[in-house]
Amino acid sequence: MNLRNLVLCVFGLGMMAGANAQVNILNAKTPEEIGKKTEAQIAYDNDKPLPYGYTDDRYVMWSKATWEIIDLDERVNFPLYYPIDTNNIGASRRSLYDVLVKNIKNGKIESVYSDSYFTEKRTLKDIEASLVYSDTTDLGIEQFNAEGVVDPQYVRRFSLDAGDISEYHIRGYWYIDKRQGELRYRLLGICPVANEARSKAFPDDGLDAKVELFWIWFPAAREVLHEAKAFNRKNTSQPVSFDHLLNSRRFNGVIYKEDNVQGDRDVKDYINDNALMQLLESDRIKEQIRNTELDLWNY
């Protein structure tokens, strides 16, 4: 096959993928039909996340676990943050936080934990204390003291939404597969981080205590994240699934912890009050991981 035929084949495949990206938008007779696949399309697409290959422990030559911060203020990480206002946008576009919470509530995501070691499972009721805060006003307290009941109008309710999420924490596993002779990465868990809902009730208090809301075992959530699409700024006709975006590491993360002999201590625990040196330490850990693969081919 010459170069011309190869280019034409690649172009043709790209056009086919683009035609299927905005599902049914060109054939919809009503706006309600946009985004809905026919049974024939579903059968033809066989749309499933790319499965991980089986890796025997004997083939893992070297490994290291790392924890990273994905700062949502960075432009490259915006696809994980936006949209935060969904009143005037289609139902097919949601932020990563909205996708996670929605599917925790409907039961499609069950592997929810309290920490990054996935030792203690949590239910929706367990995490609602961080996601929702209810407060009774002074008039409500007076009514309760006098009548023993409180009208709903005297109860303030505050909920976290996508705009309140400041960053994500992820835990991943770097390893060298000696069969392939290459360095690979497997994302294990993801966690949204924000101030608790109580801080919205008392903004004048200046509460700035970011907490990890919940940890999700990533491999168990891949089906859900594959169905949800993130915005592709380079080509809006081909949105990227959150599963693909995270697995291909299309984000910028800063390592804040690695597994170590000191009980997996954080970088900030041994480099205090020096943000620049903490960033340099994160880069040093990254470089050390990359050099491990390069050292395989040095004699």
C-alpha atoms as a PDB file:
ATOM      1  CA  MET A   1       0.000   0.000   0.000  1.00  0.00           C
ATOM      2  CA  ASN A   2       1.527   3.326  -1.073  1.00  0.00           C
ATOM      3  CA  LEU A   3       1.445   6.526   0.939  1.00  0.00           C
ATOM      4  CA  ARG A   4      -1.528   7.966  -0.950  1.00  0.00           C
ATOM      5  CA  ASN A   5      -3.772   4.962  -0.235  1.00  0.00           C
ATOM      6  CA  LEU A   6      -2.690   4.934   3.407  1.00  0.00           C
ATOM      7  CA  VAL A   7      -3.637   8.601   3.832  1.00  0.00           C
ATOM      8  CA  LEU A   8      -7.019   8.001   2.184  1.00  0.00           C
ATOM      9  CA  CYS A   9      -7.755   5.059   4.490  1.00  0.00           C
ATOM     10  CA  VAL A  10      -6.894   7.061   7.594  1.00  0.00           C
ATOM     11  CA  PHE A  11      -9.006   9.983   6.369  1.00  0.00           C
ATOM     12  CA  GLY A  12     -11.949   7.685   5.668  1.00  0.00           C
ATOM     13  CA  LEU A  13     -11.806   6.135   9.126  1.00  0.00           C
ATOM     14  CA  GLY A  14     -11.673   9.609  10.655  1.00  0.00           C
ATOM     15  CA  MET A  15     -14.774  10.673   8.742  1.00  0.00           C
ATOM     16  CA  MET A  16     -16.651   7.569   9.901  1.00  0.00           C
ATOM     17  CA  ALA A  17     -15.699   8.221  13.512  1.00  0.00           C
ATOM     18  CA  GLY A  18     -16.730  11.867  13.213  1.00  0.00           C
ATOM     19  CA  ALA A  19     -20.115  10.936  11.778  1.00  0.00           C
ATOM     20  CA  ASN A  20     -20.866   8.797  14.809  1.00  0.00           C
ATOM     21  CA  ALA A  21     -19.549  11.253  17.396  1.00  0.00           C
ATOM     22  CA  GLN A  22     -22.570  13.585  17.586  1.00  0.00           C
ATOM     23  CA  VAL A  23     -24.990  10.692  17.754  1.00  0.00           C
ATOM     24  CA  ASN A  24     -27.923  10.999  15.372  1.00  0.00           C
ATOM     25  CA  ILE A  25     -27.633  14.804  15.119  1.00  0.00           C
ATOM     26  CA  LEU A  26     -27.901  14.802  11.320  1.00  0.00           C
ATOM     27  CA  ASN A  27     -30.801  12.352  11.199  1.00  0.00           C
ATOM     28  CA  ALA A  28     -32.845  13.586  14.174  1.00  0.00           C
ATOM     29  CA  LYS A  29     -36.362  14.710  13.311  1.00  0.00           C
ATOM     30  CA  THR A  30     -36.834  16.283  16.756  1.00  0.00           C
ATOM     31  CA  PRO A  31     -34.290  17.593  19.287  1.00  0.00           C
ATOM     32  CA  GLU A  32     -35.248  14.747  21.639  1.00  0.00           C
ATOM     33  CA  GLU A  33     -33.747  12.229  19.193  1.00  0.00           C
ATOM     34  CA  ILE A  34     -30.253  13.783  19.379  1.00  0.00           C
ATOM     35  CA  GLY A  35     -27.892  11.571  21.333  1.00  0.00           C
ATOM     36  CA  LYS A  36     -30.087   8.466  21.119  1.00  0.00           C
ATOM     37  CA  LYS A  37     -28.684   5.524  19.222  1.00  0.00           C
ATOM     38  CA  THR A  38     -30.896   3.160  17.296  1.00  0.00           C
ATOM     39  CA  GLU A  39     -30.697  -0.566  18.016  1.00  0.00           C
ATOM     40  CA  ALA A  40     -28.778  -1.036  14.790  1.00  0.00           C
ATOM     41  CA  GLN A  41     -26.227   1.590  15.802  1.00  0.00           C
ATOM     42  CA  ILE A  42     -25.781   0.005  19.215  1.00  0.00           C
ATOM     43  CA  ALA A  43     -25.237  -3.428  17.690  1.00  0.00           C
ATOM     44  CA  TYR A  44     -22.812  -2.025  15.117  1.00  0.00           C
ATOM     45  CA  ASP A  45     -20.784   0.120  17.508  1.00  0.00           C
ATOM     46  CA  ASN A  46     -20.279  -2.498  20.255  1.00  0.00           C
ATOM     47  CA  ASP A  47     -19.313   0.486  22.357  1.00  0.00           C
ATOM     48  CA  LYS A  48     -17.383  -0.810  25.373  1.00  0.00           C
ATOM     49  CA  PRO A  49     -14.248   0.427  27.141  1.00  0.00           C
ATOM     50  CA  LEU A  50     -11.048  -1.163  25.936  1.00  0.00           C
ATOM     51  CA  PRO A  51     -10.432  -4.022  28.399  1.00  0.00           C
ATOM     52  CA  TYR A  52      -7.207  -4.231  30.338  1.00  0.00           C
ATOM     53  CA  GLY A  53      -5.030  -7.148  29.396  1.00  0.00           C
ATOM     54  CA  TYR A  54      -4.304  -9.769  32.031  1.00  0.00           C
ATOM     55  CA  THR A  55      -0.947  -9.221  33.727  1.00  0.00           C
ATOM     56  CA  ASP A  56       0.439 -11.986  35.888  1.00  0.00           C
ATOM     57  CA  ASP A  57       2.344 -10.893  38.983  1.00  0.00           C
ATOM     58  CA  ARG A  58       5.325 -12.882  37.730  1.00  0.00           C
ATOM     59  CA  TYR A  59       5.641 -10.515  34.777  1.00  0.00           C
ATOM     60  CA  VAL A  60       5.859  -7.382  36.928  1.00  0.00           C
ATOM     61  CA  MET A  61       9.577  -6.700  37.065  1.00  0.00           C
ATOM     62  CA  TRP A  62       9.344  -3.404  38.974  1.00  0.00           C
ATOM     63  CA  SER A  63       6.544  -1.251  40.347  1.00  0.00           C
ATOM     64  CA  LYS A  64       5.804   1.944  42.242  1.00  0.00           C
ATOM     65  CA  ALA A  65       2.535   3.424  43.479  1.00  0.00           C
ATOM     66  CA  THR A  66       2.072   7.188  43.268  1.00  0.00           C
ATOM     67  CA  TRP A  67      -0.581   9.651  44.398  1.00  0.00           C
ATOM     68  CA  GLU A  68      -1.148  12.789  42.305  1.00  0.00           C
ATOM     69  CA  ILE A  69      -3.077  16.061  42.492  1.00  0.00           C
ATOM     70  CA  ILE A  70      -4.983  17.189  39.403  1.00  0.00           C
ATOM     71  CA  ASP A  71      -5.446  20.925  39.883  1.00  0.00           C
ATOM     72  CA  LEU A  72      -8.633  22.043  38.121  1.00  0.00           C
ATOM     73  CA  ASP A  73      -7.357  25.619  37.836  1.00  0.00           C
ATOM     74  CA  GLU A  74      -4.936  24.467  35.134  1.00  0.00           C
ATOM     75  CA  ARG A  75      -6.227  24.916  31.595  1.00  0.00           C
ATOM     76  CA  VAL A  76      -5.211  21.432  30.478  1.00  0.00           C
ATOM     77  CA  ASN A  77      -7.456  19.979  33.206  1.00  0.00           C
ATOM     78  CA  PHE A  78     -10.559  22.008  32.282  1.00  0.00           C
ATOM     79  CA  PRO A  79     -12.293  19.035  30.542  1.00  0.00           C
ATOM     80  CA  LEU A  80     -12.542  17.396  33.980  1.00  0.00           C
ATOM     81  CA  TYR A  81     -14.039  20.525  35.564  1.00  0.00           C
ATOM     82  CA  TYR A  82     -16.508  21.992  33.076  1.00  0.00           C
ATOM     83  CA  PRO A  83     -19.403  22.440  32.546  1.00  0.00           C
ATOM     84  CA  ILE A  84     -20.347  23.713  36.007  1.00  0.00           C
ATOM     85  CA  ASP A  85     -23.594  25.394  34.910  1.00  0.00           C
ATOM     86  CA  THR A  86     -25.886  22.846  33.269  1.00  0.00           C
ATOM     87  CA  ASN A  87     -29.042  24.934  33.011  1.00  0.00           C
ATOM     88  CA  ASN A  88     -28.476  25.940  29.397  1.00  0.00           C
ATOM     89  CA  ILE A  89     -26.526  22.984  28.048  1.00  0.00           C
ATOM     90  CA  GLY A  90     -27.436  19.567  26.703  1.00  0.00           C
ATOM     91  CA  ALA A  91     -27.800  16.548  28.958  1.00  0.00           C
ATOM     92  CA  SER A  92     -24.924  14.794  27.186  1.00  0.00           C
ATOM     93  CA  ARG A  93     -22.331  17.202  28.641  1.00  0.00           C
ATOM     94  CA  ARG A  94     -21.576  16.957  32.333  1.00  0.00           C
ATOM     95  CA  SER A  95     -18.503  17.463  34.488  1.00  0.00           C
ATOM     96  CA  LEU A  96     -16.664  14.479  35.907  1.00  0.00           C
ATOM     97  CA  TYR A  97     -17.985  15.219  39.408  1.00  0.00           C
ATOM     98  CA  ASP A  98     -21.610  15.232  38.211  1.00  0.00           C
ATOM     99  CA  VAL A  99     -21.048  11.920  36.426  1.00  0.00           C
ATOM    100  CA  LEU A 100     -19.563  10.297  39.524  1.00  0.00           C
ATOM    101  CA  VAL A 101     -22.222  11.526  41.970  1.00  0.00           C
ATOM    102  CA  LYS A 102     -25.108  10.736  39.640  1.00  0.00           C
ATOM    103  CA  ASN A 103     -23.974   7.147  39.179  1.00  0.00           C
ATOM    104  CA  ILE A 104     -23.269   6.679  42.890  1.00  0.00           C
ATOM    105  CA  LYS A 105     -26.857   7.727  43.559  1.00  0.00           C
ATOM    106  CA  ASN A 106     -28.361   5.417  40.929  1.00  0.00           C
ATOM    107  CA  GLY A 107     -26.223   2.477  42.058  1.00  0.00           C
ATOM    108  CA  LYS A 108     -24.102   2.036  38.926  1.00  0.00           C
ATOM    109  CA  ILE A 109     -20.959   2.879  40.902  1.00  0.00           C
ATOM    110  CA  GLU A 110     -20.745   0.749  44.023  1.00  0.00           C
ATOM    111  CA  SER A 111     -17.011   0.665  44.715  1.00  0.00           C
ATOM    112  CA  VAL A 112     -16.870   3.804  46.883  1.00  0.00           C
ATOM    113  CA  TYR A 113     -14.336   3.976  49.708  1.00  0.00           C
ATOM    114  CA  SER A 114     -13.177   6.313  52.436  1.00  0.00           C
ATOM    115  CA  ASP A 115      -9.442   6.222  51.641  1.00  0.00           C
ATOM    116  CA  SER A 116      -6.987   5.582  48.843  1.00  0.00           C
ATOM    117  CA  TYR A 117      -6.139   2.115  50.156  1.00  0.00           C
ATOM    118  CA  PHE A 118      -9.738   0.977  49.585  1.00  0.00           C
ATOM    119  CA  THR A 119     -10.085  -0.617  52.995  1.00  0.00           C
ATOM    120  CA  GLU A 120     -13.460   0.776  54.120  1.00  0.00           C
ATOM    121  CA  LYS A 121     -16.492   0.941  51.859  1.00  0.00           C
ATOM    122  CA  ARG A 122     -18.858   3.891  52.034  1.00  0.00           C
ATOM    123  CA  THR A 123     -22.487   4.282  51.072  1.00  0.00           C
ATOM    124  CA  LEU A 124     -24.295   7.319  49.717  1.00  0.00           C
ATOM    125  CA  LYS A 125     -25.623   8.019  53.205  1.00  0.00           C
ATOM    126  CA  ASP A 126     -22.076   7.997  54.580  1.00  0.00           C
ATOM    127  CA  ILE A 127     -20.780  10.610  52.158  1.00  0.00           C
ATOM    128  CA  GLU A 128     -23.825  12.885  52.282  1.00  0.00           C
ATOM    129  CA  ALA A 129     -22.444  14.488  55.442  1.00  0.00           C
ATOM    130  CA  SER A 130     -19.713  16.035  53.277  1.00  0.00           C
ATOM    131  CA  LEU A 131     -21.863  16.687  50.208  1.00  0.00           C
ATOM    132  CA  VAL A 132     -24.904  18.251  51.922  1.00  0.00           C
ATOM    133  CA  TYR A 133     -25.250  20.564  54.922  1.00  0.00           C
ATOM    134  CA  SER A 134     -28.548  21.552  56.546  1.00  0.00           C
ATOM    135  CA  ASP A 135     -28.862  24.461  58.952  1.00  0.00           C
ATOM    136  CA  THR A 136     -31.834  25.778  60.929  1.00  0.00           C
ATOM    137  CA  THR A 137     -32.240  29.551  61.106  1.00  0.00           C
ATOM    138  CA  ASP A 138     -32.854  31.460  64.321  1.00  0.00           C
ATOM    139  CA  LEU A 139     -36.572  31.732  63.493  1.00  0.00           C
ATOM    140  CA  GLY A 140     -36.670  27.980  63.024  1.00  0.00           C
ATOM    141  CA  ILE A 141     -35.083  27.422  66.420  1.00  0.00           C
ATOM    142  CA  GLU A 142     -37.632  29.729  68.032  1.00  0.00           C
ATOM    143  CA  GLN A 143     -40.460  27.871  66.305  1.00  0.00           C
ATOM    144  CA  PHE A 144     -39.076  24.524  67.451  1.00  0.00           C
ATOM    145  CA  ASN A 145     -38.821  25.717  71.064  1.00  0.00           C
ATOM    146  CA  ALA A 146     -42.393  26.993  70.956  1.00  0.00           C
ATOM    147  CA  GLU A 147     -44.165  24.399  68.830  1.00  0.00           C
ATOM    148  CA  GLY A 148     -41.794  21.428  68.583  1.00  0.00           C
ATOM    149  CA  VAL A 149     -41.701  21.544  64.788  1.00  0.00           C
ATOM    150  CA  VAL A 150     -39.758  23.477  62.149  1.00  0.00           C
ATOM    151  CA  ASP A 151     -41.224  24.656  58.848  1.00  0.00           C
ATOM    152  CA  PRO A 152     -39.117  23.815  55.769  1.00  0.00           C
ATOM    153  CA  GLN A 153     -38.790  27.533  54.999  1.00  0.00           C
ATOM    154  CA  TYR A 154     -36.632  27.904  58.099  1.00  0.00           C
ATOM    155  CA  VAL A 155     -34.182  25.173  57.058  1.00  0.00           C
ATOM    156  CA  ARG A 156     -31.247  26.150  54.861  1.00  0.00           C
ATOM    157  CA  ARG A 157     -29.784  23.408  52.684  1.00  0.00           C
ATOM    158  CA  PHE A 158     -26.411  23.636  50.953  1.00  0.00           C
ATOM    159  CA  SER A 159     -25.060  21.076  48.496  1.00  0.00           C
ATOM    160  CA  LEU A 160     -21.719  20.741  46.781  1.00  0.00           C
ATOM    161  CA  ASP A 161     -21.796  20.997  43.011  1.00  0.00           C
ATOM    162  CA  ALA A 162     -19.257  20.724  40.225  1.00  0.00           C
ATOM    163  CA  GLY A 163     -18.134  24.330  40.660  1.00  0.00           C
ATOM    164  CA  ASP A 164     -17.020  23.622  44.237  1.00  0.00           C
ATOM    165  CA  ILE A 165     -14.529  20.913  43.266  1.00  0.00           C
ATOM    166  CA  SER A 166     -11.005  22.355  43.328  1.00  0.00           C
ATOM    167  CA  GLU A 167      -8.942  19.290  42.488  1.00  0.00           C
ATOM    168  CA  TYR A 168      -8.864  15.527  42.115  1.00  0.00           C
ATOM    169  CA  HIS A 169      -6.572  13.084  43.831  1.00  0.00           C
ATOM    170  CA  ILE A 170      -5.644   9.950  41.948  1.00  0.00           C
ATOM    171  CA  ARG A 171      -3.718   6.846  42.864  1.00  0.00           C
ATOM    172  CA  GLY A 172      -1.869   5.000  40.133  1.00  0.00           C
ATOM    173  CA  TYR A 173       0.484   2.085  39.685  1.00  0.00           C
ATOM    174  CA  TRP A 174       3.588   2.297  37.514  1.00  0.00           C
ATOM    175  CA  TYR A 175       5.111  -1.029  36.549  1.00  0.00           C
ATOM    176  CA  ILE A 176       7.470  -2.615  34.062  1.00  0.00           C
ATOM    177  CA  ASP A 177       6.065  -5.564  32.152  1.00  0.00           C
ATOM    178  CA  LYS A 178       9.081  -7.734  31.435  1.00  0.00           C
ATOM    179  CA  ARG A 179       7.275  -9.561  28.621  1.00  0.00           C
ATOM    180  CA  GLN A 180       6.847  -6.298  26.712  1.00  0.00           C
ATOM    181  CA  GLY A 181       9.938  -4.653  28.136  1.00  0.00           C
ATOM    182  CA  GLU A 182       8.140  -1.355  28.713  1.00  0.00           C
ATOM    183  CA  LEU A 183       6.870   0.933  31.444  1.00  0.00           C
ATOM    184  CA  ARG A 184       3.096   0.988  31.918  1.00  0.00           C
ATOM    185  CA  TYR A 185       0.607   2.844  34.080  1.00  0.00           C
ATOM    186  CA  ARG A 186      -2.652   1.662  35.630  1.00  0.00           C
ATOM    187  CA  LEU A 187      -5.045   4.119  37.278  1.00  0.00           C
ATOM    188  CA  LEU A 188      -6.468   2.590  40.463  1.00  0.00           C
ATOM    189  CA  GLY A 189      -8.544   5.258  42.178  1.00  0.00           C
ATOM    190  CA  ILE A 190      -9.882   8.786  41.841  1.00  0.00           C
ATOM    191  CA  CYS A 191     -11.189  11.192  44.467  1.00  0.00           C
ATOM    192  CA  PRO A 192     -12.824  14.652  44.217  1.00  0.00           C
ATOM    193  CA  VAL A 193     -11.508  17.208  46.701  1.00  0.00           C
ATOM    194  CA  ALA A 194     -13.385  20.290  47.947  1.00  0.00           C
ATOM    195  CA  ASN A 195     -14.339  22.265  51.014  1.00  0.00           C
ATOM    196  CA  GLU A 196     -17.214  20.598  52.844  1.00  0.00           C
ATOM    197  CA  ALA A 197     -20.728  21.880  52.207  1.00  0.00           C
ATOM    198  CA  ARG A 198     -20.695  23.569  55.645  1.00  0.00           C
ATOM    199  CA  SER A 199     -18.291  26.186  54.280  1.00  0.00           C
ATOM    200  CA  LYS A 200     -21.032  27.405  51.906  1.00  0.00           C
ATOM    201  CA  ALA A 201     -23.329  28.034  54.847  1.00  0.00           C
ATOM    202  CA  PHE A 202     -20.770  30.205  56.642  1.00  0.00           C
ATOM    203  CA  PRO A 203     -18.691  31.924  53.930  1.00  0.00           C
ATOM    204  CA  ASP A 204     -17.658  34.751  56.279  1.00  0.00           C
ATOM    205  CA  ASP A 205     -15.830  32.304  58.535  1.00  0.00           C
ATOM    206  CA  GLY A 206     -13.158  31.842  55.888  1.00  0.00           C
ATOM    207  CA  LEU A 207     -13.252  28.056  56.155  1.00  0.00           C
ATOM    208  CA  ASP A 208     -10.649  26.564  53.844  1.00  0.00           C
ATOM    209  CA  ALA A 209     -10.348  22.939  54.828  1.00  0.00           C
ATOM    210  CA  LYS A 210     -10.233  20.816  51.697  1.00  0.00           C
ATOM    211  CA  VAL A 211     -11.214  17.215  52.274  1.00  0.00           C
ATOM    212  CA  GLU A 212     -11.262  14.081  50.173  1.00  0.00           C
ATOM    213  CA  LEU A 213     -14.975  13.495  49.621  1.00  0.00           C
ATOM    214  CA  PHE A 214     -14.768   9.829  48.569  1.00  0.00           C
ATOM    215  CA  TRP A 215     -12.499   7.439  46.694  1.00  0.00           C
ATOM    216  CA  ILE A 216     -13.740   5.401  43.751  1.00  0.00           C
ATOM    217  CA  TRP A 217     -12.092   2.196  42.581  1.00  0.00           C
ATOM    218  CA  PHE A 218     -11.477   3.249  38.983  1.00  0.00           C
ATOM    219  CA  PRO A 219     -11.562  -0.139  37.172  1.00  0.00           C
ATOM    220  CA  ALA A 220     -15.108  -0.748  38.473  1.00  0.00           C
ATOM    221  CA  ALA A 221     -16.301   2.646  37.180  1.00  0.00           C
ATOM    222  CA  ARG A 222     -14.910   2.370  33.652  1.00  0.00           C
ATOM    223  CA  GLU A 223     -18.225   1.393  32.047  1.00  0.00           C
ATOM    224  CA  VAL A 224     -19.896   4.522  33.407  1.00  0.00           C
ATOM    225  CA  LEU A 225     -16.970   6.794  32.550  1.00  0.00           C
ATOM    226  CA  HIS A 226     -16.817   5.380  29.036  1.00  0.00           C
ATOM    227  CA  GLU A 227     -20.414   6.381  28.377  1.00  0.00           C
ATOM    228  CA  ALA A 228     -19.862   9.944  29.677  1.00  0.00           C
ATOM    229  CA  LYS A 229     -18.066  12.267  27.299  1.00  0.00           C
ATOM    230  CA  ALA A 230     -15.677  15.135  27.983  1.00  0.00           C
ATOM    231  CA  PHE A 231     -15.317  18.142  25.699  1.00  0.00           C
ATOM    232  CA  ASN A 232     -12.693  17.851  22.984  1.00  0.00           C
ATOM    233  CA  ARG A 233     -11.479  21.380  22.270  1.00  0.00           C
ATOM    234  CA  LYS A 234      -9.603  20.281  19.129  1.00  0.00           C
ATOM    235  CA  ASN A 235     -12.559  18.570  17.468  1.00  0.00           C
ATOM    236  CA  THR A 236     -16.045  18.993  18.900  1.00  0.00           C
ATOM    237  CA  SER A 237     -17.437  16.273  16.613  1.00  0.00           C
ATOM    238  CA  GLN A 238     -15.341  13.682  18.445  1.00  0.00           C
ATOM    239  CA  PRO A 239     -15.791  14.023  22.221  1.00  0.00           C
ATOM    240  CA  VAL A 240     -13.475  11.989  24.415  1.00  0.00           C
ATOM    241  CA  SER A 241     -14.804   9.636  27.059  1.00  0.00           C
ATOM    242  CA  PHE A 242     -13.657  10.241  30.627  1.00  0.00           C
ATOM    243  CA  ASP A 243     -12.349   6.680  30.675  1.00  0.00           C
ATOM    244  CA  HIS A 244     -10.082   7.338  27.693  1.00  0.00           C
ATOM    245  CA  LEU A 245      -9.061  10.778  28.946  1.00  0.00           C
ATOM    246  CA  LEU A 246      -7.895   9.416  32.306  1.00  0.00           C
ATOM    247  CA  ASN A 247      -6.346   6.185  31.037  1.00  0.00           C
ATOM    248  CA  SER A 248      -4.324   8.038  28.415  1.00  0.00           C
ATOM    249  CA  ARG A 249      -3.240  10.606  31.039  1.00  0.00           C
ATOM    250  CA  ARG A 250      -4.515  13.611  29.105  1.00  0.00           C
ATOM    251  CA  PHE A 251      -4.164  15.783  32.184  1.00  0.00           C
ATOM    252  CA  ASN A 252      -1.438  17.330  34.292  1.00  0.00           C
ATOM    253  CA  GLY A 253      -0.823  15.857  37.723  1.00  0.00           C
ATOM    254  CA  VAL A 254       1.633  16.654  40.503  1.00  0.00           C
ATOM    255  CA  ILE A 255       2.858  13.777  42.644  1.00  0.00           C
ATOM    256  CA  TYR A 256       2.242  14.450  46.325  1.00  0.00           C
ATOM    257  CA  LYS A 257       3.036  10.969  47.657  1.00  0.00           C
ATOM    258  CA  GLU A 258       4.746   7.731  46.703  1.00  0.00           C
ATOM    259  CA  ASP A 259       4.968   4.403  48.424  1.00  0.00           C
ATOM    260  CA  ASN A 260       7.989   4.469  50.704  1.00  0.00           C
ATOM    261  CA  VAL A 261       9.469   2.928  53.827  1.00  0.00           C
ATOM    262  CA  GLN A 262       8.219   5.811  56.005  1.00  0.00           C
ATOM    263  CA  GLY A 263       4.614   4.660  55.743  1.00  0.00           C
ATOM    264  CA  ASP A 264       3.918   6.320  52.388  1.00  0.00           C
ATOM    265  CA  ARG A 265       4.482   9.787  53.822  1.00  0.00           C
ATOM    266  CA  ASP A 266       3.523  12.850  51.796  1.00  0.00           C
ATOM    267  CA  VAL A 267       6.075  15.090  50.132  1.00  0.00           C
ATOM    268  CA  LYS A 268       4.918  17.955  52.360  1.00  0.00           C
ATOM    269  CA  ASP A 269       5.802  15.882  55.442  1.00  0.00           C
ATOM    270  CA  TYR A 270       9.524  16.029  54.693  1.00  0.00           C
ATOM    271  CA  ILE A 271       9.613  19.297  52.711  1.00  0.00           C
ATOM    272  CA  ASN A 272       7.808  21.867  54.822  1.00  0.00           C
ATOM    273  CA  ASP A 273       6.538  25.325  53.824  1.00  0.00           C
ATOM    274  CA  ASN A 274       8.338  25.406  50.485  1.00  0.00           C
ATOM    275  CA  ALA A 275       6.021  24.960  47.520  1.00  0.00           C
ATOM    276  CA  LEU A 276       8.823  25.290  44.963  1.00  0.00           C
ATOM    277  CA  MET A 277      10.898  22.514  46.519  1.00  0.00           C
ATOM    278  CA  GLN A 278       7.793  20.325  46.753  1.00  0.00           C
ATOM    279  CA  LEU A 279       7.220  20.753  42.997  1.00  0.00           C
ATOM    280  CA  LEU A 280      10.861  19.938  42.323  1.00  0.00           C
ATOM    281  CA  GLU A 281      10.545  16.820  44.477  1.00  0.00           C
ATOM    282  CA  SER A 282       7.480  15.782  42.473  1.00  0.00           C
ATOM    283  CA  ASP A 283       9.454  16.222  39.250  1.00  0.00           C
ATOM    284  CA  ARG A 284      12.325  14.216  40.725  1.00  0.00           C
ATOM    285  CA  ILE A 285      10.000  11.278  41.449  1.00  0.00           C
ATOM    286  CA  LYS A 286       8.579  11.452  37.914  1.00  0.00           C
ATOM    287  CA  GLU A 287      12.057  11.543  36.406  1.00  0.00           C
ATOM    288  CA  GLN A 288      13.125   8.605  38.549  1.00  0.00           C
ATOM    289  CA  ILE A 289      10.199   6.555  37.245  1.00  0.00           C
ATOM    290  CA  ARG A 290      10.963   7.420  33.621  1.00  0.00           C
ATOM    291  CA  ASN A 291      14.663   6.664  34.065  1.00  0.00           C
ATOM    292  CA  THR A 292      13.819   3.208  35.397  1.00  0.00           C
ATOM    293  CA  GLU A 293      12.524   2.258  31.954  1.00  0.00           C
ATOM    294  CA  LEU A 294      15.488   3.848  30.179  1.00  0.00           C
ATOM    295  CA  ASP A 295      17.908   1.971  32.404  1.00  0.00           C
ATOM    296  CA  LEU A 296      16.537  -1.317  31.055  1.00  0.00           C
ATOM    297  CA  TRP A 297      18.327  -0.655  27.780  1.00  0.00           C
ATOM    298  CA  ASN A 298      21.633   0.568  29.227  1.00  0.00           C
ATOM    299  CA  TYR A 299      24.418  -1.922  29.667  1.00  0.00           C
END
